[in-house]
Amino acid sequence: MEIKVFTENGNVPVTVMHIDGNIDSSTHDAFLTKARQLIKDGAHHILLDLSHTAFVSSAGWRAIQTIFNELRSLHPSANLSEEEMKKGIANGTYKSPHLKLLNLSKDVQAVFVTTGFDLFLEAFTDMKTAIASF
């Protein structure tokens, strides 16, 4: 797995992590370490570009969940309470303002929906639209 990082400016600076390869049990630690370093270095809005990612394992989804939680914790006053967020997820009114996904493969999209990540993360097929959504 290779991770390329660049910043796009929209309404806010968006850190794009372009993942080249699968996020699985052998790569999720490197993926999470890189994301955590970006967050430590000031990234507050991350777009995961999965254009070249054919597979995300359960370990990869756990890493994405961890990134979601860490980004959310950076903005406690701007976010809803845990209870309000869960209600918003349940009724379809909450989507993460800090983490979004781009260009999911058919298989990754199927797992994204099956696992319920689509209830709180947005996925896009166009980078400009994704950047503008932050």
N, C-alpha and C. Protein backbone atom coordinates (compact mmCIF):
# COMPACT_ATOMS: atom_id res chain seq x y z
N MET A 1 0.85 -1.18 0.00
CA MET A 1 0.00 0.00 0.00
C MET A 1 0.89 1.24 0.00
N GLU A 2 0.52 2.18 -0.81
CA GLU A 2 1.20 3.47 -0.87
C GLU A 2 0.17 4.56 -0.60
N ILE A 3 0.57 5.57 0.16
CA ILE A 3 -0.32 6.68 0.49
C ILE A 3 0.30 7.97 -0.03
N LYS A 4 -0.44 8.64 -0.90
CA LYS A 4 -0.03 9.95 -1.38
C LYS A 4 -0.92 10.98 -0.71
N VAL A 5 -0.33 12.06 -0.25
CA VAL A 5 -1.08 13.08 0.48
C VAL A 5 -0.90 14.42 -0.20
N PHE A 6 -2.00 15.14 -0.34
CA PHE A 6 -1.94 16.51 -0.84
C PHE A 6 -3.12 17.28 -0.26
N THR A 7 -3.05 18.59 -0.34
CA THR A 7 -4.10 19.44 0.21
C THR A 7 -4.82 20.16 -0.92
N GLU A 8 -6.12 20.18 -0.83
CA GLU A 8 -6.98 20.92 -1.75
C GLU A 8 -7.70 21.99 -0.94
N ASN A 9 -7.83 23.16 -1.50
CA ASN A 9 -8.53 24.23 -0.80
C ASN A 9 -9.92 24.39 -1.37
N GLY A 10 -10.89 24.27 -0.49
CA GLY A 10 -12.29 24.52 -0.81
C GLY A 10 -12.78 25.54 0.19
N ASN A 11 -13.88 25.25 0.85
CA ASN A 11 -14.36 26.11 1.93
C ASN A 11 -13.37 26.09 3.09
N VAL A 12 -12.68 24.96 3.23
CA VAL A 12 -11.63 24.75 4.24
C VAL A 12 -10.52 23.96 3.57
N PRO A 13 -9.31 23.97 4.14
CA PRO A 13 -8.26 23.10 3.58
C PRO A 13 -8.63 21.63 3.82
N VAL A 14 -8.56 20.83 2.76
CA VAL A 14 -8.91 19.42 2.84
C VAL A 14 -7.66 18.60 2.53
N THR A 15 -7.31 17.72 3.45
CA THR A 15 -6.18 16.82 3.25
C THR A 15 -6.70 15.58 2.54
N VAL A 16 -6.16 15.32 1.36
CA VAL A 16 -6.57 14.16 0.58
C VAL A 16 -5.53 13.07 0.78
N MET A 17 -6.01 11.91 1.22
CA MET A 17 -5.16 10.73 1.34
C MET A 17 -5.54 9.80 0.19
N HIS A 18 -4.68 9.70 -0.81
CA HIS A 18 -4.92 8.80 -1.94
C HIS A 18 -4.26 7.47 -1.59
N ILE A 19 -5.08 6.44 -1.43
CA ILE A 19 -4.59 5.13 -1.04
C ILE A 19 -4.42 4.28 -2.29
N ASP A 20 -3.23 3.77 -2.49
CA ASP A 20 -2.95 2.90 -3.63
C ASP A 20 -2.67 1.51 -3.07
N GLY A 21 -3.70 0.68 -3.05
CA GLY A 21 -3.59 -0.66 -2.49
C GLY A 21 -4.70 -0.90 -1.50
N ASN A 22 -4.77 -2.12 -1.00
CA ASN A 22 -5.83 -2.50 -0.07
C ASN A 22 -5.53 -2.02 1.34
N ILE A 23 -6.57 -1.81 2.11
CA ILE A 23 -6.44 -1.51 3.54
C ILE A 23 -6.92 -2.76 4.25
N ASP A 24 -5.97 -3.53 4.73
CA ASP A 24 -6.30 -4.82 5.33
C ASP A 24 -5.45 -5.07 6.56
N SER A 25 -5.42 -6.30 7.02
CA SER A 25 -4.71 -6.62 8.27
C SER A 25 -3.22 -6.34 8.18
N SER A 26 -2.65 -6.36 6.98
CA SER A 26 -1.22 -6.10 6.86
C SER A 26 -0.89 -4.63 6.62
N THR A 27 -1.89 -3.81 6.32
CA THR A 27 -1.62 -2.40 5.99
C THR A 27 -2.35 -1.39 6.87
N HIS A 28 -3.33 -1.84 7.64
CA HIS A 28 -4.16 -0.88 8.38
C HIS A 28 -3.35 -0.08 9.41
N ASP A 29 -2.32 -0.69 10.00
CA ASP A 29 -1.50 0.06 10.97
C ASP A 29 -0.78 1.23 10.31
N ALA A 30 -0.20 1.00 9.14
CA ALA A 30 0.50 2.07 8.42
C ALA A 30 -0.49 3.15 8.00
N PHE A 31 -1.65 2.73 7.54
CA PHE A 31 -2.70 3.67 7.14
C PHE A 31 -3.12 4.55 8.32
N LEU A 32 -3.40 3.93 9.46
CA LEU A 32 -3.84 4.66 10.65
C LEU A 32 -2.72 5.56 11.19
N THR A 33 -1.50 5.07 11.17
CA THR A 33 -0.36 5.87 11.63
C THR A 33 -0.21 7.12 10.79
N LYS A 34 -0.34 6.97 9.47
CA LYS A 34 -0.23 8.13 8.57
C LYS A 34 -1.35 9.13 8.83
N ALA A 35 -2.58 8.64 8.99
CA ALA A 35 -3.71 9.53 9.26
C ALA A 35 -3.52 10.26 10.58
N ARG A 36 -3.08 9.53 11.59
CA ARG A 36 -2.86 10.16 12.90
C ARG A 36 -1.78 11.23 12.82
N GLN A 37 -0.73 10.98 12.04
CA GLN A 37 0.33 11.98 11.89
C GLN A 37 -0.21 13.23 11.19
N LEU A 38 -1.05 13.03 10.18
CA LEU A 38 -1.65 14.16 9.49
C LEU A 38 -2.53 14.98 10.44
N ILE A 39 -3.31 14.28 11.26
CA ILE A 39 -4.16 14.97 12.24
C ILE A 39 -3.28 15.73 13.24
N LYS A 40 -2.23 15.09 13.71
CA LYS A 40 -1.31 15.74 14.65
C LYS A 40 -0.68 16.99 14.02
N ASP A 41 -0.41 16.92 12.71
CA ASP A 41 0.19 18.03 11.99
C ASP A 41 -0.82 19.10 11.57
N GLY A 42 -2.10 18.92 11.94
CA GLY A 42 -3.07 19.98 11.70
C GLY A 42 -4.20 19.66 10.74
N ALA A 43 -4.26 18.46 10.18
CA ALA A 43 -5.36 18.12 9.28
C ALA A 43 -6.65 18.00 10.09
N HIS A 44 -7.66 18.75 9.70
CA HIS A 44 -8.95 18.70 10.39
C HIS A 44 -10.06 18.18 9.48
N HIS A 45 -9.79 18.11 8.18
CA HIS A 45 -10.75 17.62 7.20
C HIS A 45 -10.01 16.68 6.26
N ILE A 46 -10.42 15.42 6.25
CA ILE A 46 -9.70 14.41 5.46
C ILE A 46 -10.66 13.76 4.47
N LEU A 47 -10.19 13.66 3.24
CA LEU A 47 -10.89 12.96 2.17
C LEU A 47 -10.06 11.72 1.83
N LEU A 48 -10.64 10.55 2.02
CA LEU A 48 -9.95 9.30 1.69
C LEU A 48 -10.29 8.94 0.24
N ASP A 49 -9.29 9.05 -0.64
CA ASP A 49 -9.47 8.70 -2.05
C ASP A 49 -9.13 7.22 -2.21
N LEU A 50 -10.16 6.42 -2.43
CA LEU A 50 -9.99 4.97 -2.54
C LEU A 50 -10.09 4.50 -4.00
N SER A 51 -9.73 5.37 -4.93
CA SER A 51 -9.79 5.04 -6.36
C SER A 51 -9.01 3.78 -6.70
N HIS A 52 -7.90 3.57 -6.01
CA HIS A 52 -7.04 2.42 -6.28
C HIS A 52 -7.03 1.44 -5.12
N THR A 53 -8.16 1.34 -4.44
CA THR A 53 -8.31 0.42 -3.31
C THR A 53 -9.45 -0.54 -3.64
N ALA A 54 -9.09 -1.78 -3.95
CA ALA A 54 -10.10 -2.76 -4.34
C ALA A 54 -10.77 -3.41 -3.13
N PHE A 55 -10.10 -3.36 -1.97
CA PHE A 55 -10.60 -4.10 -0.81
C PHE A 55 -10.27 -3.36 0.47
N VAL A 56 -11.24 -3.29 1.37
CA VAL A 56 -11.03 -2.78 2.73
C VAL A 56 -11.54 -3.86 3.67
N SER A 57 -10.64 -4.40 4.50
CA SER A 57 -11.01 -5.46 5.44
C SER A 57 -11.64 -4.85 6.68
N SER A 58 -12.07 -5.72 7.59
CA SER A 58 -12.64 -5.23 8.84
C SER A 58 -11.61 -4.39 9.61
N ALA A 59 -10.35 -4.76 9.52
CA ALA A 59 -9.29 -3.96 10.16
C ALA A 59 -9.21 -2.57 9.54
N GLY A 60 -9.39 -2.50 8.24
CA GLY A 60 -9.40 -1.21 7.56
C GLY A 60 -10.59 -0.36 7.96
N TRP A 61 -11.75 -0.98 8.07
CA TRP A 61 -12.94 -0.23 8.50
C TRP A 61 -12.80 0.25 9.93
N ARG A 62 -12.16 -0.56 10.79
CA ARG A 62 -11.92 -0.11 12.17
C ARG A 62 -10.98 1.10 12.17
N ALA A 63 -9.98 1.09 11.30
CA ALA A 63 -9.06 2.23 11.20
C ALA A 63 -9.82 3.48 10.73
N ILE A 64 -10.71 3.33 9.77
CA ILE A 64 -11.51 4.46 9.30
C ILE A 64 -12.40 4.98 10.44
N GLN A 65 -12.98 4.08 11.21
CA GLN A 65 -13.79 4.48 12.37
C GLN A 65 -12.94 5.25 13.38
N THR A 66 -11.71 4.81 13.60
CA THR A 66 -10.81 5.50 14.53
C THR A 66 -10.50 6.91 14.03
N ILE A 67 -10.25 7.05 12.73
CA ILE A 67 -9.98 8.37 12.15
C ILE A 67 -11.21 9.27 12.34
N PHE A 68 -12.39 8.74 12.08
CA PHE A 68 -13.64 9.47 12.30
C PHE A 68 -13.71 9.98 13.73
N ASN A 69 -13.47 9.09 14.69
CA ASN A 69 -13.56 9.47 16.10
C ASN A 69 -12.51 10.51 16.48
N GLU A 70 -11.30 10.37 15.97
CA GLU A 70 -10.24 11.32 16.32
C GLU A 70 -10.50 12.69 15.71
N LEU A 71 -10.99 12.74 14.48
CA LEU A 71 -11.33 14.03 13.88
C LEU A 71 -12.50 14.67 14.62
N ARG A 72 -13.48 13.87 14.99
CA ARG A 72 -14.64 14.39 15.73
C ARG A 72 -14.22 14.97 17.07
N SER A 73 -13.26 14.34 17.73
CA SER A 73 -12.82 14.82 19.05
C SER A 73 -12.07 16.15 18.96
N LEU A 74 -11.59 16.52 17.78
CA LEU A 74 -10.90 17.81 17.62
C LEU A 74 -11.86 18.99 17.69
N HIS A 75 -13.12 18.74 17.45
CA HIS A 75 -14.12 19.81 17.35
C HIS A 75 -15.31 19.56 18.26
N PRO A 76 -15.08 19.38 19.55
CA PRO A 76 -16.22 19.04 20.43
C PRO A 76 -17.30 20.11 20.48
N SER A 77 -16.93 21.38 20.43
CA SER A 77 -17.95 22.42 20.52
C SER A 77 -18.73 22.57 19.22
N ALA A 78 -18.12 22.17 18.11
CA ALA A 78 -18.80 22.29 16.81
C ALA A 78 -19.64 21.06 16.49
N ASN A 79 -19.48 20.03 17.27
CA ASN A 79 -20.20 18.79 17.03
C ASN A 79 -21.38 18.64 17.98
N LEU A 80 -22.22 17.74 17.62
CA LEU A 80 -23.32 17.37 18.48
C LEU A 80 -22.80 16.48 19.60
N SER A 81 -23.59 16.35 20.63
CA SER A 81 -23.24 15.40 21.68
C SER A 81 -23.28 13.99 21.08
N GLU A 82 -22.72 13.05 21.79
CA GLU A 82 -22.73 11.65 21.34
C GLU A 82 -24.17 11.17 21.11
N GLU A 83 -25.04 11.51 22.03
CA GLU A 83 -26.45 11.09 21.93
C GLU A 83 -27.12 11.74 20.71
N GLU A 84 -26.88 13.04 20.52
CA GLU A 84 -27.48 13.74 19.37
C GLU A 84 -26.94 13.18 18.05
N MET A 85 -25.64 12.87 18.02
CA MET A 85 -25.05 12.29 16.82
C MET A 85 -25.69 10.94 16.52
N LYS A 86 -25.83 10.10 17.53
CA LYS A 86 -26.44 8.78 17.31
C LYS A 86 -27.88 8.90 16.82
N LYS A 87 -28.63 9.86 17.36
CA LYS A 87 -29.99 10.09 16.87
C LYS A 87 -29.96 10.55 15.41
N GLY A 88 -29.02 11.44 15.10
CA GLY A 88 -28.89 11.92 13.72
C GLY A 88 -28.51 10.80 12.76
N ILE A 89 -27.64 9.91 13.19
CA ILE A 89 -27.27 8.77 12.35
C ILE A 89 -28.49 7.88 12.13
N ALA A 90 -29.23 7.62 13.21
CA ALA A 90 -30.40 6.74 13.12
C ALA A 90 -31.48 7.30 12.20
N ASN A 91 -31.65 8.63 12.21
CA ASN A 91 -32.71 9.18 11.37
C ASN A 91 -32.19 9.78 10.06
N GLY A 92 -30.90 9.60 9.79
CA GLY A 92 -30.34 10.00 8.50
C GLY A 92 -30.01 11.47 8.35
N THR A 93 -29.90 12.21 9.46
CA THR A 93 -29.61 13.64 9.36
C THR A 93 -28.17 13.99 9.70
N TYR A 94 -27.35 13.01 10.11
CA TYR A 94 -25.97 13.31 10.48
C TYR A 94 -25.02 12.66 9.49
N LYS A 95 -24.08 13.45 8.99
CA LYS A 95 -22.94 12.97 8.21
C LYS A 95 -21.71 13.69 8.73
N SER A 96 -20.61 12.99 8.80
CA SER A 96 -19.39 13.60 9.32
C SER A 96 -18.99 14.82 8.50
N PRO A 97 -18.73 15.95 9.17
CA PRO A 97 -18.24 17.12 8.46
C PRO A 97 -16.72 17.10 8.30
N HIS A 98 -16.05 16.08 8.84
CA HIS A 98 -14.59 16.07 8.87
C HIS A 98 -13.94 14.93 8.10
N LEU A 99 -14.68 13.88 7.78
CA LEU A 99 -14.14 12.72 7.07
C LEU A 99 -15.12 12.28 6.00
N LYS A 100 -14.59 12.14 4.78
CA LYS A 100 -15.43 11.71 3.65
C LYS A 100 -14.62 10.76 2.78
N LEU A 101 -15.32 10.01 1.94
CA LEU A 101 -14.68 9.02 1.08
C LEU A 101 -14.91 9.36 -0.38
N LEU A 102 -13.99 8.90 -1.22
CA LEU A 102 -14.06 9.20 -2.65
C LEU A 102 -13.77 7.94 -3.46
N ASN A 103 -14.56 7.74 -4.50
CA ASN A 103 -14.33 6.70 -5.51
C ASN A 103 -14.19 5.29 -4.94
N LEU A 104 -15.25 4.83 -4.31
CA LEU A 104 -15.26 3.47 -3.78
C LEU A 104 -15.48 2.48 -4.92
N SER A 105 -14.72 1.39 -4.89
CA SER A 105 -14.95 0.32 -5.86
C SER A 105 -16.31 -0.31 -5.57
N LYS A 106 -16.80 -1.11 -6.48
CA LYS A 106 -18.10 -1.77 -6.30
C LYS A 106 -18.08 -2.61 -5.03
N ASP A 107 -17.03 -3.38 -4.81
CA ASP A 107 -16.94 -4.23 -3.62
C ASP A 107 -16.83 -3.42 -2.34
N VAL A 108 -16.01 -2.37 -2.35
CA VAL A 108 -15.86 -1.52 -1.16
C VAL A 108 -17.17 -0.80 -0.87
N GLN A 109 -17.85 -0.36 -1.91
CA GLN A 109 -19.16 0.30 -1.74
C GLN A 109 -20.16 -0.65 -1.10
N ALA A 110 -20.16 -1.90 -1.52
CA ALA A 110 -21.10 -2.88 -0.96
C ALA A 110 -20.86 -3.06 0.54
N VAL A 111 -19.61 -3.16 0.96
CA VAL A 111 -19.30 -3.32 2.38
C VAL A 111 -19.60 -2.03 3.14
N PHE A 112 -19.30 -0.89 2.52
CA PHE A 112 -19.58 0.42 3.10
C PHE A 112 -21.06 0.52 3.50
N VAL A 113 -21.93 0.07 2.62
CA VAL A 113 -23.38 0.13 2.88
C VAL A 113 -23.79 -0.98 3.86
N THR A 114 -23.31 -2.17 3.65
CA THR A 114 -23.69 -3.30 4.50
C THR A 114 -23.32 -3.08 5.96
N THR A 115 -22.16 -2.48 6.20
CA THR A 115 -21.69 -2.25 7.57
C THR A 115 -22.30 -1.02 8.21
N GLY A 116 -22.99 -0.19 7.44
CA GLY A 116 -23.63 1.00 7.99
C GLY A 116 -22.75 2.24 8.02
N PHE A 117 -21.56 2.17 7.45
CA PHE A 117 -20.71 3.36 7.41
C PHE A 117 -21.37 4.47 6.59
N ASP A 118 -22.22 4.09 5.63
CA ASP A 118 -22.91 5.09 4.82
C ASP A 118 -23.91 5.90 5.63
N LEU A 119 -24.21 5.46 6.85
CA LEU A 119 -25.14 6.20 7.69
C LEU A 119 -24.52 7.47 8.28
N PHE A 120 -23.17 7.51 8.36
CA PHE A 120 -22.53 8.68 8.95
C PHE A 120 -21.35 9.22 8.14
N LEU A 121 -20.98 8.55 7.06
CA LEU A 121 -19.92 9.05 6.18
C LEU A 121 -20.48 9.22 4.77
N GLU A 122 -20.10 10.29 4.13
CA GLU A 122 -20.51 10.51 2.75
C GLU A 122 -19.45 9.95 1.82
N ALA A 123 -19.90 9.39 0.70
CA ALA A 123 -18.99 8.91 -0.34
C ALA A 123 -19.33 9.62 -1.64
N PHE A 124 -18.30 10.01 -2.36
CA PHE A 124 -18.45 10.78 -3.58
C PHE A 124 -17.75 10.08 -4.74
N THR A 125 -18.13 10.47 -5.95
CA THR A 125 -17.46 9.96 -7.14
C THR A 125 -16.71 11.06 -7.88
N ASP A 126 -16.81 12.29 -7.39
CA ASP A 126 -16.16 13.43 -8.03
C ASP A 126 -15.39 14.22 -6.97
N MET A 127 -14.09 14.43 -7.21
CA MET A 127 -13.27 15.10 -6.20
C MET A 127 -13.72 16.53 -5.95
N LYS A 128 -14.04 17.28 -6.97
CA LYS A 128 -14.46 18.68 -6.77
C LYS A 128 -15.71 18.76 -5.90
N THR A 129 -16.66 17.88 -6.15
CA THR A 129 -17.88 17.85 -5.34
C THR A 129 -17.55 17.46 -3.90
N ALA A 130 -16.67 16.48 -3.74
CA ALA A 130 -16.27 16.05 -2.41
C ALA A 130 -15.59 17.18 -1.64
N ILE A 131 -14.66 17.87 -2.27
CA ILE A 131 -13.94 18.98 -1.62
C ILE A 131 -14.93 20.08 -1.24
N ALA A 132 -15.85 20.39 -2.12
CA ALA A 132 -16.83 21.45 -1.86
C ALA A 132 -17.79 21.08 -0.72
N SER A 133 -17.92 19.80 -0.41
CA SER A 133 -18.87 19.37 0.62
C SER A 133 -18.37 19.60 2.04
N PHE A 134 -17.10 19.91 2.20
CA PHE A 134 -16.55 20.14 3.53
C PHE A 134 -16.90 21.54 4.01
